[in-house]
Amino acid sequence: MHVVEGELNAYALTLYGRRVIGLSGAGKWSAEWTPALQEVKNVVAWYDADAAGSSGRSKLADTLRDAFGVEWVNARGLVRPLPPETDLNDLHRAGTLARYLEAVPK
């Protein structure tokens, strides 16, 4: 399962056959959604490389760690910062998103 900022980024990942949760902003993850991820094989979070993205990454990682433990996060949680001043939709339009997706599980 991929977690991203924004609907366009979520749409871009669906074009590559990925399951996605699109947040309306970097800090919008809600702890009440966390139990739905327990049976997910991997969680890949893509956040912008800015202050809001850093805060959002931390919030998601902390929530997953609190709910499932450090071992779960280490085994299943992947948090990917994006290159500065870009997002997944930018990478898709540039034709480079597939390369980023090769490095992470579906």
PDB file of N, CA and C in Angstrom:
ATOM      1  N   MET A   1       0.851  -1.166   0.000  1.00  0.00           N
ATOM      2  CA  MET A   1       0.000   0.000   0.000  1.00  0.00           C
ATOM      3  C   MET A   1       0.897   1.229   0.000  1.00  0.00           C
ATOM      4  N   HIS A   2       0.592   2.170  -0.855  1.00  0.00           N
ATOM      5  CA  HIS A   2       1.345   3.415  -0.937  1.00  0.00           C
ATOM      6  C   HIS A   2       0.534   4.534  -0.295  1.00  0.00           C
ATOM      7  N   VAL A   3       1.206   5.390   0.453  1.00  0.00           N
ATOM      8  CA  VAL A   3       0.588   6.559   1.063  1.00  0.00           C
ATOM      9  C   VAL A   3       1.258   7.780   0.452  1.00  0.00           C
ATOM     10  N   VAL A   4       0.441   8.689  -0.092  1.00  0.00           N
ATOM     11  CA  VAL A   4       0.990   9.856  -0.785  1.00  0.00           C
ATOM     12  C   VAL A   4       0.249  11.124  -0.383  1.00  0.00           C
ATOM     13  N   GLU A   5       0.891  12.250  -0.644  1.00  0.00           N
ATOM     14  CA  GLU A   5       0.265  13.560  -0.493  1.00  0.00           C
ATOM     15  C   GLU A   5      -0.455  13.895  -1.791  1.00  0.00           C
ATOM     16  N   GLY A   6      -1.741  14.097  -1.737  1.00  0.00           N
ATOM     17  CA  GLY A   6      -2.461  14.635  -2.877  1.00  0.00           C
ATOM     18  C   GLY A   6      -3.086  13.629  -3.814  1.00  0.00           C
ATOM     19  N   GLU A   7      -4.202  14.048  -4.389  1.00  0.00           N
ATOM     20  CA  GLU A   7      -4.959  13.187  -5.279  1.00  0.00           C
ATOM     21  C   GLU A   7      -4.240  12.926  -6.604  1.00  0.00           C
ATOM     22  N   LEU A   8      -3.548  13.919  -7.153  1.00  0.00           N
ATOM     23  CA  LEU A   8      -2.828  13.695  -8.417  1.00  0.00           C
ATOM     24  C   LEU A   8      -1.701  12.688  -8.250  1.00  0.00           C
ATOM     25  N   ASN A   9      -1.029  12.739  -7.105  1.00  0.00           N
ATOM     26  CA  ASN A   9       0.021  11.752  -6.849  1.00  0.00           C
ATOM     27  C   ASN A   9      -0.574  10.355  -6.709  1.00  0.00           C
ATOM     28  N   ALA A  10      -1.725  10.271  -6.052  1.00  0.00           N
ATOM     29  CA  ALA A  10      -2.406   8.976  -5.923  1.00  0.00           C
ATOM     30  C   ALA A  10      -2.800   8.456  -7.302  1.00  0.00           C
ATOM     31  N   TYR A  11      -3.350   9.319  -8.126  1.00  0.00           N
ATOM     32  CA  TYR A  11      -3.753   8.920  -9.474  1.00  0.00           C
ATOM     33  C   TYR A  11      -2.546   8.436 -10.278  1.00  0.00           C
ATOM     34  N   ALA A  12      -1.435   9.144 -10.172  1.00  0.00           N
ATOM     35  CA  ALA A  12      -0.231   8.741 -10.906  1.00  0.00           C
ATOM     36  C   ALA A  12       0.176   7.316 -10.541  1.00  0.00           C
ATOM     37  N   LEU A  13       0.111   6.967  -9.267  1.00  0.00           N
ATOM     38  CA  LEU A  13       0.493   5.610  -8.861  1.00  0.00           C
ATOM     39  C   LEU A  13      -0.507   4.561  -9.344  1.00  0.00           C
ATOM     40  N   THR A  14      -1.786   4.914  -9.412  1.00  0.00           N
ATOM     41  CA  THR A  14      -2.757   3.938  -9.908  1.00  0.00           C
ATOM     42  C   THR A  14      -2.489   3.592 -11.366  1.00  0.00           C
ATOM     43  N   LEU A  15      -1.903   4.523 -12.119  1.00  0.00           N
ATOM     44  CA  LEU A  15      -1.549   4.237 -13.508  1.00  0.00           C
ATOM     45  C   LEU A  15      -0.495   3.143 -13.608  1.00  0.00           C
ATOM     46  N   TYR A  16       0.237   2.910 -12.516  1.00  0.00           N
ATOM     47  CA  TYR A  16       1.274   1.878 -12.470  1.00  0.00           C
ATOM     48  C   TYR A  16       0.792   0.650 -11.700  1.00  0.00           C
ATOM     49  N   GLY A  17      -0.523   0.567 -11.474  1.00  0.00           N
ATOM     50  CA  GLY A  17      -1.102  -0.607 -10.826  1.00  0.00           C
ATOM     51  C   GLY A  17      -0.864  -0.695  -9.333  1.00  0.00           C
ATOM     52  N   ARG A  18      -0.600   0.420  -8.693  1.00  0.00           N
ATOM     53  CA  ARG A  18      -0.331   0.415  -7.252  1.00  0.00           C
ATOM     54  C   ARG A  18      -1.585   0.762  -6.456  1.00  0.00           C
ATOM     55  N   ARG A  19      -1.726   0.154  -5.277  1.00  0.00           N
ATOM     56  CA  ARG A  19      -2.802   0.508  -4.346  1.00  0.00           C
ATOM     57  C   ARG A  19      -2.341   1.720  -3.557  1.00  0.00           C
ATOM     58  N   VAL A  20      -3.222   2.717  -3.437  1.00  0.00           N
ATOM     59  CA  VAL A  20      -2.791   4.004  -2.901  1.00  0.00           C
ATOM     60  C   VAL A  20      -3.817   4.588  -1.940  1.00  0.00           C
ATOM     61  N   ILE A  21      -3.296   5.233  -0.907  1.00  0.00           N
ATOM     62  CA  ILE A  21      -4.079   6.107  -0.048  1.00  0.00           C
ATOM     63  C   ILE A  21      -3.560   7.511  -0.324  1.00  0.00           C
ATOM     64  N   GLY A  22      -4.422   8.374  -0.847  1.00  0.00           N
ATOM     65  CA  GLY A  22      -4.039   9.754  -1.138  1.00  0.00           C
ATOM     66  C   GLY A  22      -4.524  10.675  -0.036  1.00  0.00           C
ATOM     67  N   LEU A  23      -3.599  11.353   0.619  1.00  0.00           N
ATOM     68  CA  LEU A  23      -3.934  12.286   1.692  1.00  0.00           C
ATOM     69  C   LEU A  23      -4.096  13.690   1.122  1.00  0.00           C
ATOM     70  N   SER A  24      -4.939  14.482   1.739  1.00  0.00           N
ATOM     71  CA  SER A  24      -5.147  15.853   1.249  1.00  0.00           C
ATOM     72  C   SER A  24      -4.031  16.800   1.679  1.00  0.00           C
ATOM     73  N   GLY A  25      -3.077  16.311   2.425  1.00  0.00           N
ATOM     74  CA  GLY A  25      -1.919  17.092   2.847  1.00  0.00           C
ATOM     75  C   GLY A  25      -0.965  16.202   3.627  1.00  0.00           C
ATOM     76  N   ALA A  26       0.267  16.643   3.763  1.00  0.00           N
ATOM     77  CA  ALA A  26       1.309  15.822   4.382  1.00  0.00           C
ATOM     78  C   ALA A  26       0.971  15.399   5.808  1.00  0.00           C
ATOM     79  N   GLY A  27       0.348  16.268   6.562  1.00  0.00           N
ATOM     80  CA  GLY A  27       0.067  15.972   7.966  1.00  0.00           C
ATOM     81  C   GLY A  27      -1.304  15.398   8.220  1.00  0.00           C
ATOM     82  N   LYS A  28      -1.981  14.941   7.193  1.00  0.00           N
ATOM     83  CA  LYS A  28      -3.375  14.526   7.325  1.00  0.00           C
ATOM     84  C   LYS A  28      -3.588  13.063   7.711  1.00  0.00           C
ATOM     85  N   TRP A  29      -2.520  12.310   7.964  1.00  0.00           N
ATOM     86  CA  TRP A  29      -2.713  10.916   8.373  1.00  0.00           C
ATOM     87  C   TRP A  29      -3.441  10.894   9.710  1.00  0.00           C
ATOM     88  N   SER A  30      -4.432  10.015   9.831  1.00  0.00           N
ATOM     89  CA  SER A  30      -5.201   9.874  11.065  1.00  0.00           C
ATOM     90  C   SER A  30      -4.909   8.519  11.692  1.00  0.00           C
ATOM     91  N   ALA A  31      -4.644   8.513  12.972  1.00  0.00           N
ATOM     92  CA  ALA A  31      -4.343   7.265  13.680  1.00  0.00           C
ATOM     93  C   ALA A  31      -5.481   6.258  13.562  1.00  0.00           C
ATOM     94  N   GLU A  32      -6.700   6.718  13.378  1.00  0.00           N
ATOM     95  CA  GLU A  32      -7.834   5.792  13.282  1.00  0.00           C
ATOM     96  C   GLU A  32      -7.781   4.937  12.017  1.00  0.00           C
ATOM     97  N   TRP A  33      -7.003   5.328  11.012  1.00  0.00           N
ATOM     98  CA  TRP A  33      -6.864   4.538   9.793  1.00  0.00           C
ATOM     99  C   TRP A  33      -5.801   3.450   9.928  1.00  0.00           C
ATOM    100  N   THR A  34      -4.964   3.550  10.923  1.00  0.00           N
ATOM    101  CA  THR A  34      -3.815   2.664  11.072  1.00  0.00           C
ATOM    102  C   THR A  34      -4.180   1.185  11.143  1.00  0.00           C
ATOM    103  N   PRO A  35      -5.204   0.765  11.898  1.00  0.00           N
ATOM    104  CA  PRO A  35      -5.512  -0.666  11.970  1.00  0.00           C
ATOM    105  C   PRO A  35      -5.761  -1.314  10.609  1.00  0.00           C
ATOM    106  N   ALA A  36      -6.246  -0.561   9.649  1.00  0.00           N
ATOM    107  CA  ALA A  36      -6.496  -1.105   8.311  1.00  0.00           C
ATOM    108  C   ALA A  36      -5.206  -1.540   7.616  1.00  0.00           C
ATOM    109  N   LEU A  37      -4.061  -1.072   8.088  1.00  0.00           N
ATOM    110  CA  LEU A  37      -2.782  -1.412   7.460  1.00  0.00           C
ATOM    111  C   LEU A  37      -2.109  -2.633   8.073  1.00  0.00           C
ATOM    112  N   GLN A  38      -2.640  -3.143   9.170  1.00  0.00           N
ATOM    113  CA  GLN A  38      -1.970  -4.228   9.875  1.00  0.00           C
ATOM    114  C   GLN A  38      -1.714  -5.446   8.994  1.00  0.00           C
ATOM    115  N   GLU A  39      -2.652  -5.804   8.144  1.00  0.00           N
ATOM    116  CA  GLU A  39      -2.499  -6.983   7.288  1.00  0.00           C
ATOM    117  C   GLU A  39      -1.844  -6.678   5.943  1.00  0.00           C
ATOM    118  N   VAL A  40      -1.512  -5.430   5.710  1.00  0.00           N
ATOM    119  CA  VAL A  40      -0.857  -5.042   4.463  1.00  0.00           C
ATOM    120  C   VAL A  40       0.586  -5.536   4.495  1.00  0.00           C
ATOM    121  N   LYS A  41       1.033  -6.084   3.384  1.00  0.00           N
ATOM    122  CA  LYS A  41       2.388  -6.643   3.334  1.00  0.00           C
ATOM    123  C   LYS A  41       3.458  -5.570   3.500  1.00  0.00           C
ATOM    124  N   ASN A  42       3.308  -4.441   2.805  1.00  0.00           N
ATOM    125  CA  ASN A  42       4.260  -3.335   2.900  1.00  0.00           C
ATOM    126  C   ASN A  42       3.517  -2.014   2.816  1.00  0.00           C
ATOM    127  N   VAL A  43       4.038  -1.023   3.517  1.00  0.00           N
ATOM    128  CA  VAL A  43       3.520   0.333   3.434  1.00  0.00           C
ATOM    129  C   VAL A  43       4.643   1.209   2.900  1.00  0.00           C
ATOM    130  N   VAL A  44       4.413   1.826   1.767  1.00  0.00           N
ATOM    131  CA  VAL A  44       5.402   2.708   1.160  1.00  0.00           C
ATOM    132  C   VAL A  44       4.821   4.115   1.178  1.00  0.00           C
ATOM    133  N   ALA A  45       5.462   4.998   1.907  1.00  0.00           N
ATOM    134  CA  ALA A  45       4.980   6.377   2.033  1.00  0.00           C
ATOM    135  C   ALA A  45       5.884   7.302   1.240  1.00  0.00           C
ATOM    136  N   TRP A  46       5.266   8.119   0.407  1.00  0.00           N
ATOM    137  CA  TRP A  46       5.985   9.075  -0.429  1.00  0.00           C
ATOM    138  C   TRP A  46       5.574  10.477   0.004  1.00  0.00           C
ATOM    139  N   TYR A  47       6.503  11.221   0.550  1.00  0.00           N
ATOM    140  CA  TYR A  47       6.240  12.581   1.005  1.00  0.00           C
ATOM    141  C   TYR A  47       7.197  13.544   0.322  1.00  0.00           C
ATOM    142  N   ASP A  48       6.726  14.759   0.110  1.00  0.00           N
ATOM    143  CA  ASP A  48       7.571  15.783  -0.487  1.00  0.00           C
ATOM    144  C   ASP A  48       8.782  16.058   0.399  1.00  0.00           C
ATOM    145  N   ALA A  49       9.864  16.506  -0.219  1.00  0.00           N
ATOM    146  CA  ALA A  49      11.109  16.805   0.498  1.00  0.00           C
ATOM    147  C   ALA A  49      11.083  18.245   1.004  1.00  0.00           C
ATOM    148  N   ASP A  50      10.114  18.524   1.872  1.00  0.00           N
ATOM    149  CA  ASP A  50      10.005  19.851   2.482  1.00  0.00           C
ATOM    150  C   ASP A  50       9.646  19.673   3.951  1.00  0.00           C
ATOM    151  N   ALA A  51       9.467  20.770   4.673  1.00  0.00           N
ATOM    152  CA  ALA A  51       9.191  20.687   6.112  1.00  0.00           C
ATOM    153  C   ALA A  51       7.887  19.943   6.385  1.00  0.00           C
ATOM    154  N   ALA A  52       6.859  20.217   5.597  1.00  0.00           N
ATOM    155  CA  ALA A  52       5.582  19.533   5.794  1.00  0.00           C
ATOM    156  C   ALA A  52       5.725  18.035   5.531  1.00  0.00           C
ATOM    157  N   GLY A  53       6.467  17.674   4.492  1.00  0.00           N
ATOM    158  CA  GLY A  53       6.694  16.269   4.184  1.00  0.00           C
ATOM    159  C   GLY A  53       7.461  15.566   5.285  1.00  0.00           C
ATOM    160  N   SER A  54       8.463  16.224   5.823  1.00  0.00           N
ATOM    161  CA  SER A  54       9.237  15.649   6.916  1.00  0.00           C
ATOM    162  C   SER A  54       8.353  15.404   8.137  1.00  0.00           C
ATOM    163  N   SER A  55       7.500  16.363   8.436  1.00  0.00           N
ATOM    164  CA  SER A  55       6.580  16.220   9.557  1.00  0.00           C
ATOM    165  C   SER A  55       5.581  15.092   9.295  1.00  0.00           C
ATOM    166  N   GLY A  56       5.060  15.020   8.074  1.00  0.00           N
ATOM    167  CA  GLY A  56       4.124  13.962   7.717  1.00  0.00           C
ATOM    168  C   GLY A  56       4.747  12.584   7.793  1.00  0.00           C
ATOM    169  N   ARG A  57       5.983  12.445   7.305  1.00  0.00           N
ATOM    170  CA  ARG A  57       6.706  11.171   7.394  1.00  0.00           C
ATOM    171  C   ARG A  57       6.846  10.745   8.839  1.00  0.00           C
ATOM    172  N   SER A  58       7.235  11.682   9.687  1.00  0.00           N
ATOM    173  CA  SER A  58       7.415  11.370  11.105  1.00  0.00           C
ATOM    174  C   SER A  58       6.102  10.953  11.750  1.00  0.00           C
ATOM    175  N   LYS A  59       5.033  11.664  11.424  1.00  0.00           N
ATOM    176  CA  LYS A  59       3.719  11.352  11.999  1.00  0.00           C
ATOM    177  C   LYS A  59       3.275   9.944  11.614  1.00  0.00           C
ATOM    178  N   LEU A  60       3.404   9.596  10.329  1.00  0.00           N
ATOM    179  CA  LEU A  60       3.008   8.267   9.883  1.00  0.00           C
ATOM    180  C   LEU A  60       3.888   7.198  10.528  1.00  0.00           C
ATOM    181  N   ALA A  61       5.192   7.397  10.517  1.00  0.00           N
ATOM    182  CA  ALA A  61       6.106   6.413  11.099  1.00  0.00           C
ATOM    183  C   ALA A  61       5.829   6.228  12.588  1.00  0.00           C
ATOM    184  N   ASP A  62       5.620   7.314  13.306  1.00  0.00           N
ATOM    185  CA  ASP A  62       5.326   7.227  14.744  1.00  0.00           C
ATOM    186  C   ASP A  62       4.021   6.488  14.997  1.00  0.00           C
ATOM    187  N   THR A  63       3.005   6.788  14.183  1.00  0.00           N
ATOM    188  CA  THR A  63       1.713   6.134  14.347  1.00  0.00           C
ATOM    189  C   THR A  63       1.820   4.638  14.098  1.00  0.00           C
ATOM    190  N   LEU A  64       2.516   4.248  13.026  1.00  0.00           N
ATOM    191  CA  LEU A  64       2.699   2.828  12.726  1.00  0.00           C
ATOM    192  C   LEU A  64       3.517   2.138  13.811  1.00  0.00           C
ATOM    193  N   ARG A  65       4.560   2.788  14.289  1.00  0.00           N
ATOM    194  CA  ARG A  65       5.400   2.227  15.339  1.00  0.00           C
ATOM    195  C   ARG A  65       4.599   2.044  16.628  1.00  0.00           C
ATOM    196  N   ASP A  66       3.794   3.049  16.988  1.00  0.00           N
ATOM    197  CA  ASP A  66       2.990   2.954  18.207  1.00  0.00           C
ATOM    198  C   ASP A  66       1.953   1.834  18.111  1.00  0.00           C
ATOM    199  N   ALA A  67       1.378   1.659  16.935  1.00  0.00           N
ATOM    200  CA  ALA A  67       0.322   0.660  16.757  1.00  0.00           C
ATOM    201  C   ALA A  67       0.857  -0.760  16.609  1.00  0.00           C
ATOM    202  N   PHE A  68       1.944  -0.926  15.849  1.00  0.00           N
ATOM    203  CA  PHE A  68       2.402  -2.262  15.483  1.00  0.00           C
ATOM    204  C   PHE A  68       3.782  -2.629  16.010  1.00  0.00           C
ATOM    205  N   GLY A  69       4.522  -1.681  16.497  1.00  0.00           N
ATOM    206  CA  GLY A  69       5.849  -1.948  17.030  1.00  0.00           C
ATOM    207  C   GLY A  69       6.964  -1.673  16.033  1.00  0.00           C
ATOM    208  N   VAL A  70       8.148  -1.540  16.581  1.00  0.00           N
ATOM    209  CA  VAL A  70       9.334  -1.219  15.780  1.00  0.00           C
ATOM    210  C   VAL A  70       9.638  -2.315  14.770  1.00  0.00           C
ATOM    211  N   GLU A  71       9.502  -3.576  15.179  1.00  0.00           N
ATOM    212  CA  GLU A  71       9.820  -4.682  14.267  1.00  0.00           C
ATOM    213  C   GLU A  71       8.912  -4.667  13.038  1.00  0.00           C
ATOM    214  N   TRP A  72       7.621  -4.369  13.219  1.00  0.00           N
ATOM    215  CA  TRP A  72       6.692  -4.297  12.097  1.00  0.00           C
ATOM    216  C   TRP A  72       7.119  -3.202  11.135  1.00  0.00           C
ATOM    217  N   VAL A  73       7.422  -2.033  11.681  1.00  0.00           N
ATOM    218  CA  VAL A  73       7.827  -0.903  10.839  1.00  0.00           C
ATOM    219  C   VAL A  73       9.122  -1.219  10.107  1.00  0.00           C
ATOM    220  N   ASN A  74      10.075  -1.820  10.804  1.00  0.00           N
ATOM    221  CA  ASN A  74      11.344  -2.157  10.154  1.00  0.00           C
ATOM    222  C   ASN A  74      11.162  -3.194   9.049  1.00  0.00           C
ATOM    223  N   ALA A  75      10.216  -4.119   9.216  1.00  0.00           N
ATOM    224  CA  ALA A  75      10.005  -5.179   8.242  1.00  0.00           C
ATOM    225  C   ALA A  75       9.085  -4.756   7.098  1.00  0.00           C
ATOM    226  N   ARG A  76       8.126  -3.864   7.365  1.00  0.00           N
ATOM    227  CA  ARG A  76       7.097  -3.559   6.374  1.00  0.00           C
ATOM    228  C   ARG A  76       7.011  -2.096   5.964  1.00  0.00           C
ATOM    229  N   GLY A  77       7.541  -1.220   6.750  1.00  0.00           N
ATOM    230  CA  GLY A  77       7.360   0.200   6.485  1.00  0.00           C
ATOM    231  C   GLY A  77       8.517   0.804   5.714  1.00  0.00           C
ATOM    232  N   LEU A  78       8.205   1.421   4.620  1.00  0.00           N
ATOM    233  CA  LEU A  78       9.202   2.103   3.815  1.00  0.00           C
ATOM    234  C   LEU A  78       8.748   3.539   3.615  1.00  0.00           C
ATOM    235  N   VAL A  79       9.541   4.466   4.049  1.00  0.00           N
ATOM    236  CA  VAL A  79       9.195   5.870   3.872  1.00  0.00           C
ATOM    237  C   VAL A  79      10.191   6.466   2.900  1.00  0.00           C
ATOM    238  N   ARG A  80       9.681   6.991   1.801  1.00  0.00           N
ATOM    239  CA  ARG A  80      10.529   7.501   0.733  1.00  0.00           C
ATOM    240  C   ARG A  80      10.387   9.008   0.589  1.00  0.00           C
ATOM    241  N   PRO A  81      11.446   9.751   0.888  1.00  0.00           N
ATOM    242  CA  PRO A  81      11.382  11.178   0.549  1.00  0.00           C
ATOM    243  C   PRO A  81      11.555  11.326  -0.955  1.00  0.00           C
ATOM    244  N   LEU A  82      10.907  12.297  -1.505  1.00  0.00           N
ATOM    245  CA  LEU A  82      11.021  12.558  -2.939  1.00  0.00           C
ATOM    246  C   LEU A  82      12.146  13.549  -3.198  1.00  0.00           C
ATOM    247  N   PRO A  83      12.650  13.606  -4.432  1.00  0.00           N
ATOM    248  CA  PRO A  83      13.671  14.610  -4.748  1.00  0.00           C
ATOM    249  C   PRO A  83      13.127  16.011  -4.458  1.00  0.00           C
ATOM    250  N   PRO A  84      14.000  16.932  -4.091  1.00  0.00           N
ATOM    251  CA  PRO A  84      13.551  18.304  -3.790  1.00  0.00           C
ATOM    252  C   PRO A  84      12.734  18.902  -4.938  1.00  0.00           C
ATOM    253  N   GLU A  85      11.708  19.638  -4.553  1.00  0.00           N
ATOM    254  CA  GLU A  85      10.865  20.398  -5.488  1.00  0.00           C
ATOM    255  C   GLU A  85      10.212  19.531  -6.563  1.00  0.00           C
ATOM    256  N   THR A  86       9.791  18.327  -6.174  1.00  0.00           N
ATOM    257  CA  THR A  86       9.093  17.456  -7.110  1.00  0.00           C
ATOM    258  C   THR A  86       8.087  16.614  -6.342  1.00  0.00           C
ATOM    259  N   ASP A  87       7.153  16.016  -7.061  1.00  0.00           N
ATOM    260  CA  ASP A  87       6.234  15.061  -6.456  1.00  0.00           C
ATOM    261  C   ASP A  87       6.050  13.897  -7.426  1.00  0.00           C
ATOM    262  N   LEU A  88       5.246  12.904  -7.042  1.00  0.00           N
ATOM    263  CA  LEU A  88       5.091  11.723  -7.886  1.00  0.00           C
ATOM    264  C   LEU A  88       4.498  12.056  -9.246  1.00  0.00           C
ATOM    265  N   ASN A  89       3.571  12.990  -9.287  1.00  0.00           N
ATOM    266  CA  ASN A  89       2.992  13.379 -10.567  1.00  0.00           C
ATOM    267  C   ASN A  89       4.047  14.006 -11.475  1.00  0.00           C
ATOM    268  N   ASP A  90       4.940  14.820 -10.912  1.00  0.00           N
ATOM    269  CA  ASP A  90       6.044  15.384 -11.694  1.00  0.00           C
ATOM    270  C   ASP A  90       6.923  14.275 -12.278  1.00  0.00           C
ATOM    271  N   LEU A  91       7.232  13.268 -11.455  1.00  0.00           N
ATOM    272  CA  LEU A  91       8.062  12.160 -11.917  1.00  0.00           C
ATOM    273  C   LEU A  91       7.349  11.373 -13.016  1.00  0.00           C
ATOM    274  N   HIS A  92       6.043  11.189 -12.863  1.00  0.00           N
ATOM    275  CA  HIS A  92       5.264  10.498 -13.892  1.00  0.00           C
ATOM    276  C   HIS A  92       5.313  11.279 -15.211  1.00  0.00           C
ATOM    277  N   ARG A  93       5.062  12.586 -15.142  1.00  0.00           N
ATOM    278  CA  ARG A  93       5.068  13.402 -16.360  1.00  0.00           C
ATOM    279  C   ARG A  93       6.443  13.446 -17.009  1.00  0.00           C
ATOM    280  N   ALA A  94       7.499  13.323 -16.191  1.00  0.00           N
ATOM    281  CA  ALA A  94       8.861  13.328 -16.731  1.00  0.00           C
ATOM    282  C   ALA A  94       9.284  11.953 -17.245  1.00  0.00           C
ATOM    283  N   GLY A  95       8.452  10.932 -16.995  1.00  0.00           N
ATOM    284  CA  GLY A  95       8.777   9.586 -17.459  1.00  0.00           C
ATOM    285  C   GLY A  95       9.766   8.852 -16.578  1.00  0.00           C
ATOM    286  N   THR A  96       9.962   9.309 -15.340  1.00  0.00           N
ATOM    287  CA  THR A  96      10.951   8.675 -14.461  1.00  0.00           C
ATOM    288  C   THR A  96      10.336   7.956 -13.256  1.00  0.00           C
ATOM    289  N   LEU A  97       9.014   7.993 -13.112  1.00  0.00           N
ATOM    290  CA  LEU A  97       8.383   7.371 -11.945  1.00  0.00           C
ATOM    291  C   LEU A  97       8.610   5.864 -11.905  1.00  0.00           C
ATOM    292  N   ALA A  98       8.575   5.208 -13.043  1.00  0.00           N
ATOM    293  CA  ALA A  98       8.774   3.757 -13.082  1.00  0.00           C
ATOM    294  C   ALA A  98      10.101   3.361 -12.440  1.00  0.00           C
ATOM    295  N   ARG A  99      11.122   4.154 -12.655  1.00  0.00           N
ATOM    296  CA  ARG A  99      12.439   3.867 -12.064  1.00  0.00           C
ATOM    297  C   ARG A  99      12.375   3.910 -10.541  1.00  0.00           C
ATOM    298  N   TYR A 100      11.656   4.879  -9.988  1.00  0.00           N
ATOM    299  CA  TYR A 100      11.500   4.964  -8.530  1.00  0.00           C
ATOM    300  C   TYR A 100      10.702   3.778  -8.000  1.00  0.00           C
ATOM    301  N   LEU A 101       9.687   3.356  -8.737  1.00  0.00           N
ATOM    302  CA  LEU A 101       8.841   2.266  -8.292  1.00  0.00           C
ATOM    303  C   LEU A 101       9.545   0.921  -8.351  1.00  0.00           C
ATOM    304  N   GLU A 102      10.541   0.774  -9.206  1.00  0.00           N
ATOM    305  CA  GLU A 102      11.290  -0.480  -9.285  1.00  0.00           C
ATOM    306  C   GLU A 102      11.983  -0.818  -7.966  1.00  0.00           C
ATOM    307  N   ALA A 103      12.301   0.212  -7.201  1.00  0.00           N
ATOM    308  CA  ALA A 103      13.064   0.016  -5.958  1.00  0.00           C
ATOM    309  C   ALA A 103      12.203  -0.305  -4.750  1.00  0.00           C
ATOM    310  N   VAL A 104      10.876  -0.325  -4.929  1.00  0.00           N
ATOM    311  CA  VAL A 104       9.992  -0.588  -3.792  1.00  0.00           C
ATOM    312  C   VAL A 104       9.007  -1.711  -4.139  1.00  0.00           C
ATOM    313  N   PRO A 105       8.520  -2.422  -3.117  1.00  0.00           N
ATOM    314  CA  PRO A 105       7.559  -3.491  -3.388  1.00  0.00           C
ATOM    315  C   PRO A 105       6.218  -2.937  -3.856  1.00  0.00           C
ATOM    316  N   LYS A 106       5.479  -3.776  -4.577  1.00  0.00           N
ATOM    317  CA  LYS A 106       4.129  -3.392  -5.004  1.00  0.00           C
ATOM    318  C   LYS A 106       3.243  -3.425  -3.804  1.00  0.00           C
TER     319      LYS A 106
END
